[in-house]
Amino acid sequence: MDHSDFPGDLTLNVLDDESLDPDAPDEGEQRQIALQNILDAWDEALVEGVSPDILATTAIFAALSDMVESYGEETVADMAEGLADRVRQGEFTLNRIMN
């Protein structure tokens, strides 16, 4: 399973969403829309006093729960196994210094 473009990298190609609605945004546009909506909700929760740690763990829980419902525990567990190495390699570090 390729995990190269997380978030949203769990792609099972069971249904081709674009074939269902030719006017739907393409995958890249959907990712941009989704990310913007999540960032807006994140900012709103911070303004309302939710701590960043609680917000982050709740977001991870919500994402994994939804993925398990859609794809099953084993598939999501397989995807999650590779996350530790990806974190250590800096894939999720937004402000890292590149040499």
PDB file of N, CA and C in Angstrom:
ATOM      1  N   MET A   1       0.853  -1.184   0.000  1.00  0.00           N
ATOM      2  CA  MET A   1       0.000   0.000   0.000  1.00  0.00           C
ATOM      3  C   MET A   1       0.887   1.233   0.000  1.00  0.00           C
ATOM      4  N   ASP A   2       0.645   2.161  -0.881  1.00  0.00           N
ATOM      5  CA  ASP A   2       1.427   3.382  -1.004  1.00  0.00           C
ATOM      6  C   ASP A   2       0.892   4.433  -0.039  1.00  0.00           C
ATOM      7  N   HIS A   3       1.775   4.976   0.794  1.00  0.00           N
ATOM      8  CA  HIS A   3       1.375   5.993   1.770  1.00  0.00           C
ATOM      9  C   HIS A   3       2.028   7.328   1.462  1.00  0.00           C
ATOM     10  N   SER A   4       2.329   7.597   0.212  1.00  0.00           N
ATOM     11  CA  SER A   4       3.173   8.732  -0.137  1.00  0.00           C
ATOM     12  C   SER A   4       2.504  10.091  -0.044  1.00  0.00           C
ATOM     13  N   ASP A   5       1.192  10.145  -0.027  1.00  0.00           N
ATOM     14  CA  ASP A   5       0.582  11.482  -0.051  1.00  0.00           C
ATOM     15  C   ASP A   5      -0.413  11.678   1.084  1.00  0.00           C
ATOM     16  N   PHE A   6      -0.060  11.236   2.280  1.00  0.00           N
ATOM     17  CA  PHE A   6      -0.865  11.450   3.464  1.00  0.00           C
ATOM     18  C   PHE A   6      -1.006  12.932   3.684  1.00  0.00           C
ATOM     19  N   PRO A   7      -2.069  13.612   4.090  1.00  0.00           N
ATOM     20  CA  PRO A   7      -3.268  12.979   4.578  1.00  0.00           C
ATOM     21  C   PRO A   7      -4.164  12.470   3.458  1.00  0.00           C
ATOM     22  N   GLY A   8      -4.994  11.532   3.807  1.00  0.00           N
ATOM     23  CA  GLY A   8      -5.931  10.995   2.846  1.00  0.00           C
ATOM     24  C   GLY A   8      -5.292   9.982   1.937  1.00  0.00           C
ATOM     25  N   ASP A   9      -4.216   9.334   2.394  1.00  0.00           N
ATOM     26  CA  ASP A   9      -3.489   8.446   1.509  1.00  0.00           C
ATOM     27  C   ASP A   9      -4.029   7.028   1.482  1.00  0.00           C
ATOM     28  N   LEU A  10      -5.044   6.725   2.246  1.00  0.00           N
ATOM     29  CA  LEU A  10      -5.616   5.388   2.240  1.00  0.00           C
ATOM     30  C   LEU A  10      -6.564   5.303   1.058  1.00  0.00           C
ATOM     31  N   THR A  11      -6.050   4.861  -0.069  1.00  0.00           N
ATOM     32  CA  THR A  11      -6.818   4.823  -1.301  1.00  0.00           C
ATOM     33  C   THR A  11      -7.024   3.373  -1.689  1.00  0.00           C
ATOM     34  N   LEU A  12      -8.281   2.957  -1.750  1.00  0.00           N
ATOM     35  CA  LEU A  12      -8.566   1.569  -2.050  1.00  0.00           C
ATOM     36  C   LEU A  12      -9.164   1.368  -3.430  1.00  0.00           C
ATOM     37  N   ASN A  13      -9.450   2.422  -4.158  1.00  0.00           N
ATOM     38  CA  ASN A  13      -9.977   2.339  -5.515  1.00  0.00           C
ATOM     39  C   ASN A  13     -11.139   1.371  -5.658  1.00  0.00           C
ATOM     40  N   VAL A  14     -11.937   1.199  -4.598  1.00  0.00           N
ATOM     41  CA  VAL A  14     -13.110   0.346  -4.687  1.00  0.00           C
ATOM     42  C   VAL A  14     -14.124   1.002  -5.605  1.00  0.00           C
ATOM     43  N   LEU A  15     -14.295   2.300  -5.452  1.00  0.00           N
ATOM     44  CA  LEU A  15     -15.152   3.085  -6.334  1.00  0.00           C
ATOM     45  C   LEU A  15     -14.351   4.265  -6.840  1.00  0.00           C
ATOM     46  N   ASP A  16     -14.522   4.585  -8.061  1.00  0.00           N
ATOM     47  CA  ASP A  16     -13.895   5.771  -8.625  1.00  0.00           C
ATOM     48  C   ASP A  16     -14.897   6.906  -8.481  1.00  0.00           C
ATOM     49  N   ASP A  17     -14.734   7.737  -7.420  1.00  0.00           N
ATOM     50  CA  ASP A  17     -15.701   8.794  -7.131  1.00  0.00           C
ATOM     51  C   ASP A  17     -15.909   9.724  -8.320  1.00  0.00           C
ATOM     52  N   GLU A  18     -14.861   9.976  -9.087  1.00  0.00           N
ATOM     53  CA  GLU A  18     -14.986  10.895 -10.212  1.00  0.00           C
ATOM     54  C   GLU A  18     -15.905  10.336 -11.289  1.00  0.00           C
ATOM     55  N   SER A  19     -15.998   9.003 -11.402  1.00  0.00           N
ATOM     56  CA  SER A  19     -16.885   8.424 -12.410  1.00  0.00           C
ATOM     57  C   SER A  19     -18.346   8.559 -12.005  1.00  0.00           C
ATOM     58  N   LEU A  20     -18.608   8.766 -10.710  1.00  0.00           N
ATOM     59  CA  LEU A  20     -19.976   8.913 -10.240  1.00  0.00           C
ATOM     60  C   LEU A  20     -20.528  10.297 -10.549  1.00  0.00           C
ATOM     61  N   ASP A  21     -19.704  11.307 -10.495  1.00  0.00           N
ATOM     62  CA  ASP A  21     -20.136  12.684 -10.742  1.00  0.00           C
ATOM     63  C   ASP A  21     -19.056  13.397 -11.543  1.00  0.00           C
ATOM     64  N   PRO A  22     -19.269  13.555 -12.834  1.00  0.00           N
ATOM     65  CA  PRO A  22     -18.235  14.188 -13.665  1.00  0.00           C
ATOM     66  C   PRO A  22     -17.955  15.644 -13.292  1.00  0.00           C
ATOM     67  N   ASP A  23     -18.867  16.289 -12.563  1.00  0.00           N
ATOM     68  CA  ASP A  23     -18.664  17.676 -12.158  1.00  0.00           C
ATOM     69  C   ASP A  23     -17.983  17.795 -10.795  1.00  0.00           C
ATOM     70  N   ALA A  24     -17.732  16.663 -10.142  1.00  0.00           N
ATOM     71  CA  ALA A  24     -17.087  16.679  -8.833  1.00  0.00           C
ATOM     72  C   ALA A  24     -15.654  17.167  -8.970  1.00  0.00           C
ATOM     73  N   PRO A  25     -15.152  17.843  -7.931  1.00  0.00           N
ATOM     74  CA  PRO A  25     -13.746  18.269  -7.981  1.00  0.00           C
ATOM     75  C   PRO A  25     -12.837  17.051  -8.088  1.00  0.00           C
ATOM     76  N   ASP A  26     -11.682  17.227  -8.740  1.00  0.00           N
ATOM     77  CA  ASP A  26     -10.743  16.109  -8.824  1.00  0.00           C
ATOM     78  C   ASP A  26     -10.133  15.862  -7.440  1.00  0.00           C
ATOM     79  N   GLU A  27      -9.358  14.796  -7.329  1.00  0.00           N
ATOM     80  CA  GLU A  27      -8.821  14.397  -6.030  1.00  0.00           C
ATOM     81  C   GLU A  27      -7.984  15.492  -5.379  1.00  0.00           C
ATOM     82  N   GLY A  28      -7.155  16.161  -6.157  1.00  0.00           N
ATOM     83  CA  GLY A  28      -6.330  17.237  -5.610  1.00  0.00           C
ATOM     84  C   GLY A  28      -7.169  18.382  -5.069  1.00  0.00           C
ATOM     85  N   GLU A  29      -8.205  18.751  -5.815  1.00  0.00           N
ATOM     86  CA  GLU A  29      -9.099  19.818  -5.356  1.00  0.00           C
ATOM     87  C   GLU A  29      -9.852  19.381  -4.098  1.00  0.00           C
ATOM     88  N   GLN A  30     -10.280  18.119  -4.055  1.00  0.00           N
ATOM     89  CA  GLN A  30     -10.967  17.619  -2.868  1.00  0.00           C
ATOM     90  C   GLN A  30     -10.050  17.674  -1.650  1.00  0.00           C
ATOM     91  N   ARG A  31      -8.785  17.336  -1.834  1.00  0.00           N
ATOM     92  CA  ARG A  31      -7.827  17.387  -0.720  1.00  0.00           C
ATOM     93  C   ARG A  31      -7.654  18.824  -0.224  1.00  0.00           C
ATOM     94  N   GLN A  32      -7.579  19.778  -1.160  1.00  0.00           N
ATOM     95  CA  GLN A  32      -7.444  21.181  -0.768  1.00  0.00           C
ATOM     96  C   GLN A  32      -8.676  21.662  -0.007  1.00  0.00           C
ATOM     97  N   ILE A  33      -9.860  21.312  -0.497  1.00  0.00           N
ATOM     98  CA  ILE A  33     -11.106  21.694   0.168  1.00  0.00           C
ATOM     99  C   ILE A  33     -11.173  21.081   1.560  1.00  0.00           C
ATOM    100  N   ALA A  34     -10.862  19.786   1.642  1.00  0.00           N
ATOM    101  CA  ALA A  34     -10.908  19.090   2.926  1.00  0.00           C
ATOM    102  C   ALA A  34      -9.937  19.710   3.923  1.00  0.00           C
ATOM    103  N   LEU A  35      -8.703  19.953   3.486  1.00  0.00           N
ATOM    104  CA  LEU A  35      -7.710  20.537   4.379  1.00  0.00           C
ATOM    105  C   LEU A  35      -8.139  21.913   4.851  1.00  0.00           C
ATOM    106  N   GLN A  36      -8.651  22.741   3.961  1.00  0.00           N
ATOM    107  CA  GLN A  36      -9.084  24.079   4.366  1.00  0.00           C
ATOM    108  C   GLN A  36     -10.216  24.008   5.385  1.00  0.00           C
ATOM    109  N   ASN A  37     -11.169  23.114   5.163  1.00  0.00           N
ATOM    110  CA  ASN A  37     -12.266  22.958   6.121  1.00  0.00           C
ATOM    111  C   ASN A  37     -11.772  22.489   7.483  1.00  0.00           C
ATOM    112  N   ILE A  38     -10.822  21.555   7.480  1.00  0.00           N
ATOM    113  CA  ILE A  38     -10.273  21.065   8.747  1.00  0.00           C
ATOM    114  C   ILE A  38      -9.502  22.169   9.456  1.00  0.00           C
ATOM    115  N   LEU A  39      -8.694  22.919   8.716  1.00  0.00           N
ATOM    116  CA  LEU A  39      -7.935  24.017   9.325  1.00  0.00           C
ATOM    117  C   LEU A  39      -8.859  25.092   9.893  1.00  0.00           C
ATOM    118  N   ASP A  40      -9.943  25.377   9.196  1.00  0.00           N
ATOM    119  CA  ASP A  40     -10.914  26.356   9.708  1.00  0.00           C
ATOM    120  C   ASP A  40     -11.548  25.868  11.008  1.00  0.00           C
ATOM    121  N   ALA A  41     -11.944  24.594  11.036  1.00  0.00           N
ATOM    122  CA  ALA A  41     -12.537  24.026  12.249  1.00  0.00           C
ATOM    123  C   ALA A  41     -11.517  23.986  13.386  1.00  0.00           C
ATOM    124  N   TRP A  42     -10.275  23.678  13.046  1.00  0.00           N
ATOM    125  CA  TRP A  42      -9.193  23.636  14.035  1.00  0.00           C
ATOM    126  C   TRP A  42      -9.035  25.016  14.682  1.00  0.00           C
ATOM    127  N   ASP A  43      -8.947  26.047  13.844  1.00  0.00           N
ATOM    128  CA  ASP A  43      -8.803  27.410  14.359  1.00  0.00           C
ATOM    129  C   ASP A  43      -9.987  27.800  15.239  1.00  0.00           C
ATOM    130  N   GLU A  44     -11.186  27.434  14.828  1.00  0.00           N
ATOM    131  CA  GLU A  44     -12.378  27.755  15.614  1.00  0.00           C
ATOM    132  C   GLU A  44     -12.331  27.070  16.978  1.00  0.00           C
ATOM    133  N   ALA A  45     -11.919  25.821  17.019  1.00  0.00           N
ATOM    134  CA  ALA A  45     -11.830  25.101  18.295  1.00  0.00           C
ATOM    135  C   ALA A  45     -10.791  25.744  19.203  1.00  0.00           C
ATOM    136  N   LEU A  46      -9.657  26.175  18.649  1.00  0.00           N
ATOM    137  CA  LEU A  46      -8.639  26.851  19.456  1.00  0.00           C
ATOM    138  C   LEU A  46      -9.190  28.141  20.059  1.00  0.00           C
ATOM    139  N   VAL A  47      -9.928  28.905  19.240  1.00  0.00           N
ATOM    140  CA  VAL A  47     -10.529  30.155  19.719  1.00  0.00           C
ATOM    141  C   VAL A  47     -11.515  29.876  20.859  1.00  0.00           C
ATOM    142  N   GLU A  48     -12.201  28.729  20.775  1.00  0.00           N
ATOM    143  CA  GLU A  48     -13.169  28.363  21.804  1.00  0.00           C
ATOM    144  C   GLU A  48     -12.519  27.776  23.055  1.00  0.00           C
ATOM    145  N   GLY A  49     -11.188  27.686  23.066  1.00  0.00           N
ATOM    146  CA  GLY A  49     -10.481  27.265  24.268  1.00  0.00           C
ATOM    147  C   GLY A  49     -10.057  25.810  24.322  1.00  0.00           C
ATOM    148  N   VAL A  50     -10.221  25.061  23.242  1.00  0.00           N
ATOM    149  CA  VAL A  50      -9.773  23.671  23.227  1.00  0.00           C
ATOM    150  C   VAL A  50      -8.248  23.672  23.097  1.00  0.00           C
ATOM    151  N   SER A  51      -7.577  22.884  23.936  1.00  0.00           N
ATOM    152  CA  SER A  51      -6.112  22.845  23.871  1.00  0.00           C
ATOM    153  C   SER A  51      -5.662  22.131  22.602  1.00  0.00           C
ATOM    154  N   PRO A  52      -4.521  22.541  22.053  1.00  0.00           N
ATOM    155  CA  PRO A  52      -4.019  21.896  20.846  1.00  0.00           C
ATOM    156  C   PRO A  52      -3.810  20.388  21.010  1.00  0.00           C
ATOM    157  N   ASP A  53      -3.359  19.941  22.184  1.00  0.00           N
ATOM    158  CA  ASP A  53      -3.147  18.508  22.404  1.00  0.00           C
ATOM    159  C   ASP A  53      -4.453  17.731  22.348  1.00  0.00           C
ATOM    160  N   ILE A  54      -5.477  18.242  22.993  1.00  0.00           N
ATOM    161  CA  ILE A  54      -6.781  17.570  22.978  1.00  0.00           C
ATOM    162  C   ILE A  54      -7.355  17.601  21.576  1.00  0.00           C
ATOM    163  N   LEU A  55      -7.221  18.706  20.907  1.00  0.00           N
ATOM    164  CA  LEU A  55      -7.713  18.830  19.540  1.00  0.00           C
ATOM    165  C   LEU A  55      -7.021  17.824  18.615  1.00  0.00           C
ATOM    166  N   ALA A  56      -5.708  17.706  18.737  1.00  0.00           N
ATOM    167  CA  ALA A  56      -4.946  16.792  17.878  1.00  0.00           C
ATOM    168  C   ALA A  56      -5.333  15.335  18.130  1.00  0.00           C
ATOM    169  N   THR A  57      -5.385  14.929  19.383  1.00  0.00           N
ATOM    170  CA  THR A  57      -5.714  13.526  19.659  1.00  0.00           C
ATOM    171  C   THR A  57      -7.154  13.212  19.272  1.00  0.00           C
ATOM    172  N   THR A  58      -8.054  14.163  19.427  1.00  0.00           N
ATOM    173  CA  THR A  58      -9.437  13.961  19.023  1.00  0.00           C
ATOM    174  C   THR A  58      -9.553  13.860  17.504  1.00  0.00           C
ATOM    175  N   ALA A  59      -8.791  14.676  16.791  1.00  0.00           N
ATOM    176  CA  ALA A  59      -8.812  14.629  15.329  1.00  0.00           C
ATOM    177  C   ALA A  59      -8.270  13.288  14.823  1.00  0.00           C
ATOM    178  N   ILE A  60      -7.199  12.804  15.441  1.00  0.00           N
ATOM    179  CA  ILE A  60      -6.648  11.501  15.049  1.00  0.00           C
ATOM    180  C   ILE A  60      -7.665  10.403  15.333  1.00  0.00           C
ATOM    181  N   PHE A  61      -8.302  10.453  16.504  1.00  0.00           N
ATOM    182  CA  PHE A  61      -9.326   9.463  16.839  1.00  0.00           C
ATOM    183  C   PHE A  61     -10.462   9.488  15.816  1.00  0.00           C
ATOM    184  N   ALA A  62     -10.941  10.680  15.489  1.00  0.00           N
ATOM    185  CA  ALA A  62     -12.052  10.800  14.540  1.00  0.00           C
ATOM    186  C   ALA A  62     -11.654  10.256  13.167  1.00  0.00           C
ATOM    187  N   ALA A  63     -10.453  10.593  12.724  1.00  0.00           N
ATOM    188  CA  ALA A  63     -10.000  10.132  11.415  1.00  0.00           C
ATOM    189  C   ALA A  63      -9.859   8.613  11.380  1.00  0.00           C
ATOM    190  N   LEU A  64      -9.205   8.056  12.379  1.00  0.00           N
ATOM    191  CA  LEU A  64      -9.027   6.601  12.408  1.00  0.00           C
ATOM    192  C   LEU A  64     -10.350   5.873  12.542  1.00  0.00           C
ATOM    193  N   SER A  65     -11.253   6.390  13.357  1.00  0.00           N
ATOM    194  CA  SER A  65     -12.565   5.759  13.514  1.00  0.00           C
ATOM    195  C   SER A  65     -13.320   5.725  12.199  1.00  0.00           C
ATOM    196  N   ASP A  66     -13.285   6.819  11.467  1.00  0.00           N
ATOM    197  CA  ASP A  66     -13.970   6.880  10.178  1.00  0.00           C
ATOM    198  C   ASP A  66     -13.324   5.933   9.173  1.00  0.00           C
ATOM    199  N   MET A  67     -12.009   5.882   9.169  1.00  0.00           N
ATOM    200  CA  MET A  67     -11.307   4.992   8.256  1.00  0.00           C
ATOM    201  C   MET A  67     -11.601   3.528   8.576  1.00  0.00           C
ATOM    202  N   VAL A  68     -11.636   3.174   9.866  1.00  0.00           N
ATOM    203  CA  VAL A  68     -11.953   1.797  10.258  1.00  0.00           C
ATOM    204  C   VAL A  68     -13.361   1.440   9.802  1.00  0.00           C
ATOM    205  N   GLU A  69     -14.289   2.362   9.951  1.00  0.00           N
ATOM    206  CA  GLU A  69     -15.661   2.109   9.514  1.00  0.00           C
ATOM    207  C   GLU A  69     -15.717   1.873   8.003  1.00  0.00           C
ATOM    208  N   SER A  70     -14.918   2.611   7.259  1.00  0.00           N
ATOM    209  CA  SER A  70     -14.935   2.503   5.798  1.00  0.00           C
ATOM    210  C   SER A  70     -14.132   1.322   5.272  1.00  0.00           C
ATOM    211  N   TYR A  71     -12.961   1.060   5.857  1.00  0.00           N
ATOM    212  CA  TYR A  71     -12.021   0.102   5.281  1.00  0.00           C
ATOM    213  C   TYR A  71     -11.746  -1.123   6.140  1.00  0.00           C
ATOM    214  N   GLY A  72     -12.131  -1.071   7.414  1.00  0.00           N
ATOM    215  CA  GLY A  72     -11.889  -2.197   8.307  1.00  0.00           C
ATOM    216  C   GLY A  72     -10.629  -2.027   9.134  1.00  0.00           C
ATOM    217  N   GLU A  73     -10.609  -2.714  10.246  1.00  0.00           N
ATOM    218  CA  GLU A  73      -9.515  -2.562  11.207  1.00  0.00           C
ATOM    219  C   GLU A  73      -8.167  -2.987  10.642  1.00  0.00           C
ATOM    220  N   GLU A  74      -8.123  -4.115   9.951  1.00  0.00           N
ATOM    221  CA  GLU A  74      -6.842  -4.639   9.473  1.00  0.00           C
ATOM    222  C   GLU A  74      -6.192  -3.707   8.452  1.00  0.00           C
ATOM    223  N   THR A  75      -6.960  -3.184   7.519  1.00  0.00           N
ATOM    224  CA  THR A  75      -6.422  -2.278   6.504  1.00  0.00           C
ATOM    225  C   THR A  75      -5.883  -1.002   7.149  1.00  0.00           C
ATOM    226  N   VAL A  76      -6.631  -0.453   8.094  1.00  0.00           N
ATOM    227  CA  VAL A  76      -6.188   0.770   8.769  1.00  0.00           C
ATOM    228  C   VAL A  76      -4.972   0.481   9.648  1.00  0.00           C
ATOM    229  N   ALA A  77      -4.953  -0.673  10.309  1.00  0.00           N
ATOM    230  CA  ALA A  77      -3.791  -1.043  11.121  1.00  0.00           C
ATOM    231  C   ALA A  77      -2.544  -1.163  10.245  1.00  0.00           C
ATOM    232  N   ASP A  78      -2.689  -1.760   9.063  1.00  0.00           N
ATOM    233  CA  ASP A  78      -1.555  -1.859   8.135  1.00  0.00           C
ATOM    234  C   ASP A  78      -1.044  -0.477   7.748  1.00  0.00           C
ATOM    235  N   MET A  79      -1.953   0.441   7.449  1.00  0.00           N
ATOM    236  CA  MET A  79      -1.560   1.799   7.094  1.00  0.00           C
ATOM    237  C   MET A  79      -0.864   2.477   8.284  1.00  0.00           C
ATOM    238  N   ALA A  80      -1.415   2.297   9.471  1.00  0.00           N
ATOM    239  CA  ALA A  80      -0.876   2.960  10.661  1.00  0.00           C
ATOM    240  C   ALA A  80       0.511   2.443  11.031  1.00  0.00           C
ATOM    241  N   GLU A  81       0.819   1.194  10.701  1.00  0.00           N
ATOM    242  CA  GLU A  81       2.133   0.636  11.023  1.00  0.00           C
ATOM    243  C   GLU A  81       3.269   1.448  10.419  1.00  0.00           C
ATOM    244  N   GLY A  82       3.053   2.020   9.268  1.00  0.00           N
ATOM    245  CA  GLY A  82       4.102   2.780   8.607  1.00  0.00           C
ATOM    246  C   GLY A  82       4.224   4.216   9.070  1.00  0.00           C
ATOM    247  N   LEU A  83       3.309   4.662   9.908  1.00  0.00           N
ATOM    248  CA  LEU A  83       3.328   6.077  10.307  1.00  0.00           C
ATOM    249  C   LEU A  83       4.525   6.434  11.177  1.00  0.00           C
ATOM    250  N   ALA A  84       4.967   5.542  12.062  1.00  0.00           N
ATOM    251  CA  ALA A  84       6.085   5.864  12.958  1.00  0.00           C
ATOM    252  C   ALA A  84       7.334   6.226  12.164  1.00  0.00           C
ATOM    253  N   ASP A  85       7.674   5.416  11.178  1.00  0.00           N
ATOM    254  CA  ASP A  85       8.856   5.712  10.364  1.00  0.00           C
ATOM    255  C   ASP A  85       8.687   7.015   9.594  1.00  0.00           C
ATOM    256  N   ARG A  86       7.495   7.257   9.098  1.00  0.00           N
ATOM    257  CA  ARG A  86       7.250   8.481   8.338  1.00  0.00           C
ATOM    258  C   ARG A  86       7.374   9.715   9.229  1.00  0.00           C
ATOM    259  N   VAL A  87       6.916   9.615  10.479  1.00  0.00           N
ATOM    260  CA  VAL A  87       7.065  10.723  11.432  1.00  0.00           C
ATOM    261  C   VAL A  87       8.548  10.963  11.693  1.00  0.00           C
ATOM    262  N   ARG A  88       9.281   9.888  11.945  1.00  0.00           N
ATOM    263  CA  ARG A  88      10.715  10.005  12.217  1.00  0.00           C
ATOM    264  C   ARG A  88      11.481  10.585  11.030  1.00  0.00           C
ATOM    265  N   GLN A  89      11.014  10.329   9.815  1.00  0.00           N
ATOM    266  CA  GLN A  89      11.674  10.858   8.615  1.00  0.00           C
ATOM    267  C   GLN A  89      11.296  12.309   8.324  1.00  0.00           C
ATOM    268  N   GLY A  90      10.399  12.872   9.121  1.00  0.00           N
ATOM    269  CA  GLY A  90      10.066  14.282   8.991  1.00  0.00           C
ATOM    270  C   GLY A  90       8.934  14.609   8.046  1.00  0.00           C
ATOM    271  N   GLU A  91       8.207  13.604   7.565  1.00  0.00           N
ATOM    272  CA  GLU A  91       7.127  13.873   6.609  1.00  0.00           C
ATOM    273  C   GLU A  91       6.041  14.783   7.166  1.00  0.00           C
ATOM    274  N   PHE A  92       5.871  14.793   8.474  1.00  0.00           N
ATOM    275  CA  PHE A  92       4.793  15.573   9.085  1.00  0.00           C
ATOM    276  C   PHE A  92       5.319  16.795   9.832  1.00  0.00           C
ATOM    277  N   THR A  93       6.598  17.070   9.700  1.00  0.00           N
ATOM    278  CA  THR A  93       7.204  18.236  10.345  1.00  0.00           C
ATOM    279  C   THR A  93       7.100  19.405   9.376  1.00  0.00           C
ATOM    280  N   LEU A  94       6.259  20.372   9.727  1.00  0.00           N
ATOM    281  CA  LEU A  94       5.979  21.469   8.802  1.00  0.00           C
ATOM    282  C   LEU A  94       7.108  22.497   8.734  1.00  0.00           C
ATOM    283  N   ASN A  95       7.776  22.737   9.843  1.00  0.00           N
ATOM    284  CA  ASN A  95       8.777  23.806   9.890  1.00  0.00           C
ATOM    285  C   ASN A  95      10.178  23.268  10.067  1.00  0.00           C
ATOM    286  N   ARG A  96      10.503  22.166   9.412  1.00  0.00           N
ATOM    287  CA  ARG A  96      11.837  21.603   9.561  1.00  0.00           C
ATOM    288  C   ARG A  96      12.828  22.363   8.669  1.00  0.00           C
ATOM    289  N   ILE A  97      14.071  22.337   9.074  1.00  0.00           N
ATOM    290  CA  ILE A  97      15.142  23.004   8.329  1.00  0.00           C
ATOM    291  C   ILE A  97      15.779  21.969   7.416  1.00  0.00           C
ATOM    292  N   MET A  98      15.809  22.272   6.136  1.00  0.00           N
ATOM    293  CA  MET A  98      16.412  21.366   5.161  1.00  0.00           C
ATOM    294  C   MET A  98      17.861  21.766   4.956  1.00  0.00           C
ATOM    295  N   ASN A  99      18.777  20.807   4.967  1.00  0.00           N
ATOM    296  CA  ASN A  99      20.211  21.088   4.754  1.00  0.00           C
ATOM    297  C   ASN A  99      20.543  21.086   3.292  1.00  0.00           C
TER     298      ASN A  99
END
